[in-house]
């Protein structure tokens, strides 16, 4: 789900002029790009099946014909299986033998 906590959305909103008469429509556009990126990920996960990827369980696209123009109240939610987050650092510290054994399991 795209919220104000995403870096791109937060940065975009911080750079808006709040005294602008078009503030709400510009604010909605800040959410648009993140929603499109999430939809792209959903389309990719629907087509790919690999043990190394999370499984897409479902998604919900909120009604686009809502009375509000605020995309933070509409948008897209992705439902996926829960996995353990792996940091890039933890992967970099593995020895080659461990890296190869992980890649061969998948």
N, C-alpha and C. Protein backbone atom coordinates (compact mmCIF):
# COMPACT_ATOMS: atom_id res chain seq x y z
N UNK A 1 0.85 -1.17 0.00
CA UNK A 1 0.00 0.00 0.00
C UNK A 1 0.89 1.23 0.00
N UNK A 2 0.56 2.18 -0.82
CA UNK A 2 1.32 3.41 -0.90
C UNK A 2 0.79 4.39 0.14
N UNK A 3 1.69 4.86 1.01
CA UNK A 3 1.31 5.81 2.06
C UNK A 3 2.26 6.99 2.06
N UNK A 4 2.02 7.90 2.99
CA UNK A 4 2.91 9.06 3.14
C UNK A 4 4.30 8.67 3.62
N UNK A 5 4.46 7.43 4.07
CA UNK A 5 5.74 7.00 4.62
C UNK A 5 6.74 6.62 3.53
N UNK A 6 6.30 6.42 2.29
CA UNK A 6 7.22 6.13 1.20
C UNK A 6 8.07 7.37 0.92
N UNK A 7 9.36 7.14 0.75
CA UNK A 7 10.31 8.23 0.55
C UNK A 7 9.93 9.12 -0.63
N UNK A 8 9.58 8.51 -1.76
CA UNK A 8 9.25 9.30 -2.95
C UNK A 8 8.03 10.18 -2.72
N UNK A 9 7.01 9.62 -2.09
CA UNK A 9 5.77 10.37 -1.84
C UNK A 9 6.04 11.50 -0.86
N UNK A 10 6.73 11.18 0.23
CA UNK A 10 7.03 12.19 1.25
C UNK A 10 7.84 13.33 0.66
N UNK A 11 8.86 13.01 -0.13
CA UNK A 11 9.71 14.03 -0.74
C UNK A 11 8.91 14.92 -1.70
N UNK A 12 8.05 14.31 -2.48
CA UNK A 12 7.22 15.07 -3.42
C UNK A 12 6.30 16.04 -2.69
N UNK A 13 5.65 15.57 -1.63
CA UNK A 13 4.71 16.42 -0.88
C UNK A 13 5.44 17.54 -0.16
N UNK A 14 6.63 17.25 0.36
CA UNK A 14 7.41 18.28 1.05
C UNK A 14 7.80 19.41 0.11
N UNK A 15 7.96 19.11 -1.17
CA UNK A 15 8.36 20.13 -2.14
C UNK A 15 7.19 20.92 -2.73
N UNK A 16 5.97 20.58 -2.34
CA UNK A 16 4.81 21.31 -2.85
C UNK A 16 4.61 22.61 -2.08
N UNK A 17 4.05 23.58 -2.76
CA UNK A 17 3.71 24.86 -2.13
C UNK A 17 2.30 24.72 -1.56
N UNK A 18 2.17 24.70 -0.23
CA UNK A 18 0.86 24.46 0.38
C UNK A 18 -0.11 25.62 0.19
N UNK A 19 0.39 26.77 -0.18
CA UNK A 19 -0.51 27.91 -0.42
C UNK A 19 -1.09 27.89 -1.83
N UNK A 20 -0.61 26.96 -2.65
CA UNK A 20 -1.09 26.83 -4.02
C UNK A 20 -2.55 26.40 -4.03
N UNK A 21 -3.34 26.99 -4.90
CA UNK A 21 -4.77 26.65 -4.98
C UNK A 21 -4.97 25.23 -5.52
N UNK A 22 -4.01 24.70 -6.23
CA UNK A 22 -4.08 23.35 -6.80
C UNK A 22 -3.36 22.33 -5.92
N UNK A 23 -3.17 22.64 -4.65
CA UNK A 23 -2.37 21.79 -3.76
C UNK A 23 -2.88 20.35 -3.72
N UNK A 24 -4.19 20.16 -3.57
CA UNK A 24 -4.74 18.80 -3.46
C UNK A 24 -4.53 17.98 -4.72
N UNK A 25 -4.70 18.59 -5.88
CA UNK A 25 -4.49 17.82 -7.11
C UNK A 25 -3.01 17.50 -7.31
N UNK A 26 -2.13 18.43 -6.93
CA UNK A 26 -0.69 18.15 -7.03
C UNK A 26 -0.28 17.08 -6.01
N UNK A 27 -0.91 17.10 -4.84
CA UNK A 27 -0.63 16.10 -3.81
C UNK A 27 -1.04 14.71 -4.31
N UNK A 28 -2.16 14.63 -4.98
CA UNK A 28 -2.62 13.35 -5.53
C UNK A 28 -1.63 12.82 -6.56
N UNK A 29 -1.02 13.71 -7.33
CA UNK A 29 -0.04 13.28 -8.34
C UNK A 29 1.21 12.70 -7.68
N UNK A 30 1.50 13.13 -6.45
CA UNK A 30 2.66 12.57 -5.74
C UNK A 30 2.48 11.08 -5.49
N UNK A 31 1.24 10.63 -5.32
CA UNK A 31 0.97 9.22 -5.08
C UNK A 31 0.90 8.43 -6.39
N UNK A 32 0.63 9.09 -7.49
CA UNK A 32 0.40 8.42 -8.76
C UNK A 32 1.58 7.55 -9.20
N UNK A 33 2.80 8.08 -9.16
CA UNK A 33 3.97 7.34 -9.62
C UNK A 33 4.20 6.09 -8.78
N UNK A 34 4.05 6.22 -7.46
CA UNK A 34 4.23 5.06 -6.58
C UNK A 34 3.18 4.00 -6.83
N UNK A 35 1.95 4.41 -7.12
CA UNK A 35 0.89 3.45 -7.45
C UNK A 35 1.21 2.73 -8.76
N UNK A 36 1.73 3.46 -9.73
CA UNK A 36 2.08 2.83 -11.01
C UNK A 36 3.22 1.82 -10.82
N UNK A 37 4.20 2.15 -9.97
CA UNK A 37 5.29 1.21 -9.70
C UNK A 37 4.77 -0.05 -9.02
N UNK A 38 3.83 0.10 -8.11
CA UNK A 38 3.25 -1.06 -7.43
C UNK A 38 2.45 -1.93 -8.40
N UNK A 39 1.71 -1.31 -9.31
CA UNK A 39 0.96 -2.07 -10.32
C UNK A 39 1.91 -2.83 -11.24
N UNK A 40 3.04 -2.21 -11.57
CA UNK A 40 4.04 -2.88 -12.40
C UNK A 40 4.59 -4.12 -11.68
N UNK A 41 4.84 -3.99 -10.38
CA UNK A 41 5.32 -5.12 -9.60
C UNK A 41 4.27 -6.23 -9.54
N UNK A 42 3.01 -5.85 -9.40
CA UNK A 42 1.92 -6.84 -9.37
C UNK A 42 1.87 -7.60 -10.69
N UNK A 43 1.94 -6.90 -11.80
CA UNK A 43 1.91 -7.55 -13.11
C UNK A 43 3.08 -8.50 -13.29
N UNK A 44 4.26 -8.10 -12.80
CA UNK A 44 5.44 -8.94 -12.91
C UNK A 44 5.28 -10.20 -12.05
N UNK A 45 4.81 -10.02 -10.79
CA UNK A 45 4.66 -11.17 -9.89
C UNK A 45 3.59 -12.15 -10.37
N UNK A 46 2.58 -11.66 -11.10
CA UNK A 46 1.56 -12.55 -11.65
C UNK A 46 2.15 -13.48 -12.71
N UNK A 47 3.17 -13.02 -13.41
CA UNK A 47 3.72 -13.79 -14.51
C UNK A 47 4.90 -14.67 -14.10
N UNK A 48 5.58 -14.32 -13.01
CA UNK A 48 6.77 -15.05 -12.60
C UNK A 48 6.46 -16.03 -11.48
N UNK A 49 7.11 -17.18 -11.56
CA UNK A 49 6.98 -18.17 -10.49
C UNK A 49 8.37 -18.74 -10.22
N UNK A 50 8.92 -18.43 -9.06
CA UNK A 50 10.26 -18.87 -8.71
C UNK A 50 10.34 -18.93 -7.19
N UNK A 51 10.98 -19.95 -6.63
CA UNK A 51 11.08 -20.06 -5.16
C UNK A 51 11.76 -18.86 -4.51
N UNK A 52 12.56 -18.12 -5.27
CA UNK A 52 13.26 -16.96 -4.72
C UNK A 52 12.41 -15.71 -4.68
N UNK A 53 11.25 -15.72 -5.30
CA UNK A 53 10.35 -14.56 -5.32
C UNK A 53 9.22 -14.78 -4.33
N UNK A 54 8.71 -13.69 -3.79
CA UNK A 54 7.53 -13.82 -2.94
C UNK A 54 6.34 -14.23 -3.80
N UNK A 55 5.40 -14.91 -3.19
CA UNK A 55 4.20 -15.32 -3.92
C UNK A 55 3.14 -14.24 -3.77
N UNK A 56 2.54 -13.87 -4.88
CA UNK A 56 1.46 -12.90 -4.88
C UNK A 56 0.18 -13.64 -4.52
N UNK A 57 -0.43 -13.25 -3.41
CA UNK A 57 -1.68 -13.89 -2.97
C UNK A 57 -2.89 -13.15 -3.50
N UNK A 58 -2.74 -11.87 -3.75
CA UNK A 58 -3.84 -11.08 -4.26
C UNK A 58 -3.51 -9.60 -4.23
N UNK A 59 -4.44 -8.81 -4.73
CA UNK A 59 -4.28 -7.36 -4.68
C UNK A 59 -5.65 -6.72 -4.78
N UNK A 60 -5.72 -5.47 -4.39
CA UNK A 60 -6.98 -4.74 -4.42
C UNK A 60 -6.73 -3.36 -4.99
N UNK A 61 -7.49 -3.00 -6.00
CA UNK A 61 -7.44 -1.66 -6.56
C UNK A 61 -8.71 -0.96 -6.09
N UNK A 62 -8.53 0.06 -5.26
CA UNK A 62 -9.69 0.76 -4.72
C UNK A 62 -10.46 1.47 -5.82
N UNK A 63 -11.72 1.70 -5.59
CA UNK A 63 -12.61 2.34 -6.55
C UNK A 63 -12.05 3.68 -6.99
N UNK A 64 -11.80 3.82 -8.26
CA UNK A 64 -11.28 5.07 -8.80
C UNK A 64 -12.38 6.10 -9.01
N UNK A 65 -13.63 5.73 -8.80
CA UNK A 65 -14.73 6.67 -8.99
C UNK A 65 -15.22 7.21 -7.65
N UNK A 66 -14.31 7.30 -6.71
CA UNK A 66 -14.63 7.81 -5.38
C UNK A 66 -14.83 9.32 -5.45
N UNK A 67 -15.50 9.87 -4.45
CA UNK A 67 -15.72 11.32 -4.40
C UNK A 67 -14.45 12.09 -4.11
N UNK A 68 -13.50 11.46 -3.46
CA UNK A 68 -12.28 12.16 -3.09
C UNK A 68 -11.27 12.14 -4.23
N UNK A 69 -10.44 13.19 -4.30
CA UNK A 69 -9.37 13.20 -5.29
C UNK A 69 -8.05 12.80 -4.65
N UNK A 70 -8.09 12.47 -3.37
CA UNK A 70 -6.89 12.13 -2.62
C UNK A 70 -6.53 10.66 -2.85
N UNK A 71 -5.43 10.42 -3.58
CA UNK A 71 -5.02 9.05 -3.88
C UNK A 71 -4.56 8.29 -2.64
N UNK A 72 -4.26 9.01 -1.57
CA UNK A 72 -3.86 8.30 -0.35
C UNK A 72 -5.06 7.58 0.25
N UNK A 73 -6.28 7.97 -0.12
CA UNK A 73 -7.48 7.31 0.36
C UNK A 73 -7.98 6.27 -0.65
N UNK A 74 -7.35 6.19 -1.78
CA UNK A 74 -7.69 5.20 -2.80
C UNK A 74 -6.44 4.39 -3.08
N UNK A 75 -6.28 3.92 -4.28
CA UNK A 75 -5.02 3.31 -4.67
C UNK A 75 -5.01 1.80 -4.73
N UNK A 76 -3.85 1.22 -4.43
CA UNK A 76 -3.59 -0.19 -4.65
C UNK A 76 -2.97 -0.80 -3.39
N UNK A 77 -3.41 -2.01 -3.07
CA UNK A 77 -2.80 -2.77 -1.98
C UNK A 77 -2.39 -4.13 -2.55
N UNK A 78 -1.19 -4.57 -2.22
CA UNK A 78 -0.70 -5.87 -2.65
C UNK A 78 -0.69 -6.80 -1.43
N UNK A 79 -1.12 -8.04 -1.64
CA UNK A 79 -1.12 -9.05 -0.58
C UNK A 79 -0.17 -10.15 -1.02
N UNK A 80 0.87 -10.36 -0.22
CA UNK A 80 1.87 -11.37 -0.58
C UNK A 80 2.21 -12.19 0.65
N UNK A 81 2.90 -13.31 0.40
CA UNK A 81 3.33 -14.13 1.52
C UNK A 81 4.37 -13.37 2.34
N UNK A 82 4.51 -13.74 3.58
CA UNK A 82 5.46 -13.10 4.47
C UNK A 82 6.79 -13.82 4.39
N UNK A 83 7.84 -13.07 4.16
CA UNK A 83 9.19 -13.63 4.09
C UNK A 83 10.11 -12.84 5.00
N UNK A 84 11.25 -13.41 5.31
CA UNK A 84 12.25 -12.72 6.10
C UNK A 84 13.01 -11.75 5.21
N UNK A 85 13.17 -10.53 5.68
CA UNK A 85 13.90 -9.52 4.91
C UNK A 85 15.39 -9.81 5.00
N UNK A 86 16.06 -9.75 3.87
CA UNK A 86 17.50 -9.99 3.81
C UNK A 86 18.17 -8.70 3.38
N UNK A 87 19.19 -8.30 4.12
CA UNK A 87 19.90 -7.07 3.76
C UNK A 87 21.00 -7.39 2.74
N UNK A 88 21.36 -6.40 1.96
CA UNK A 88 22.43 -6.56 0.99
C UNK A 88 23.73 -6.88 1.71
N UNK A 89 23.93 -6.24 2.87
CA UNK A 89 25.15 -6.47 3.64
C UNK A 89 25.29 -7.94 4.04
N UNK A 90 24.19 -8.55 4.47
CA UNK A 90 24.28 -9.96 4.89
C UNK A 90 24.63 -10.86 3.71
N UNK A 91 24.18 -10.51 2.52
CA UNK A 91 24.54 -11.29 1.34
C UNK A 91 25.99 -11.08 0.95
N UNK A 92 26.48 -9.85 1.13
CA UNK A 92 27.86 -9.55 0.77
C UNK A 92 28.86 -10.23 1.69
N UNK A 93 28.47 -10.50 2.92
CA UNK A 93 29.40 -11.10 3.88
C UNK A 93 29.47 -12.62 3.78
N UNK A 94 28.61 -13.22 2.99
CA UNK A 94 28.65 -14.68 2.82
C UNK A 94 29.88 -15.08 2.02
N UNK A 95 30.42 -16.26 2.33
CA UNK A 95 31.52 -16.77 1.51
C UNK A 95 30.91 -17.36 0.23
N UNK A 96 31.74 -17.53 -0.79
CA UNK A 96 31.25 -17.98 -2.09
C UNK A 96 30.54 -19.33 -2.02
N UNK A 97 31.04 -20.23 -1.21
CA UNK A 97 30.42 -21.56 -1.10
C UNK A 97 28.96 -21.42 -0.62
N UNK A 98 28.72 -20.52 0.35
CA UNK A 98 27.35 -20.31 0.85
C UNK A 98 26.47 -19.66 -0.21
N UNK A 99 27.04 -18.70 -0.95
CA UNK A 99 26.28 -18.04 -2.02
C UNK A 99 25.85 -19.04 -3.08
N UNK A 100 26.76 -19.92 -3.46
CA UNK A 100 26.45 -20.91 -4.49
C UNK A 100 25.41 -21.91 -3.98
N UNK A 101 25.52 -22.32 -2.72
CA UNK A 101 24.54 -23.28 -2.19
C UNK A 101 23.15 -22.65 -2.12
N UNK A 102 23.07 -21.37 -1.80
CA UNK A 102 21.76 -20.69 -1.77
C UNK A 102 21.18 -20.61 -3.17
N UNK A 103 21.99 -20.23 -4.15
CA UNK A 103 21.49 -20.07 -5.52
C UNK A 103 21.08 -21.41 -6.12
N UNK A 104 21.74 -22.50 -5.73
CA UNK A 104 21.38 -23.82 -6.26
C UNK A 104 20.10 -24.36 -5.64
N UNK A 105 19.78 -23.94 -4.43
CA UNK A 105 18.54 -24.39 -3.78
C UNK A 105 17.35 -23.82 -4.53
N UNK A 106 17.46 -22.59 -4.96
CA UNK A 106 16.34 -21.94 -5.66
C UNK A 106 16.29 -22.45 -7.06
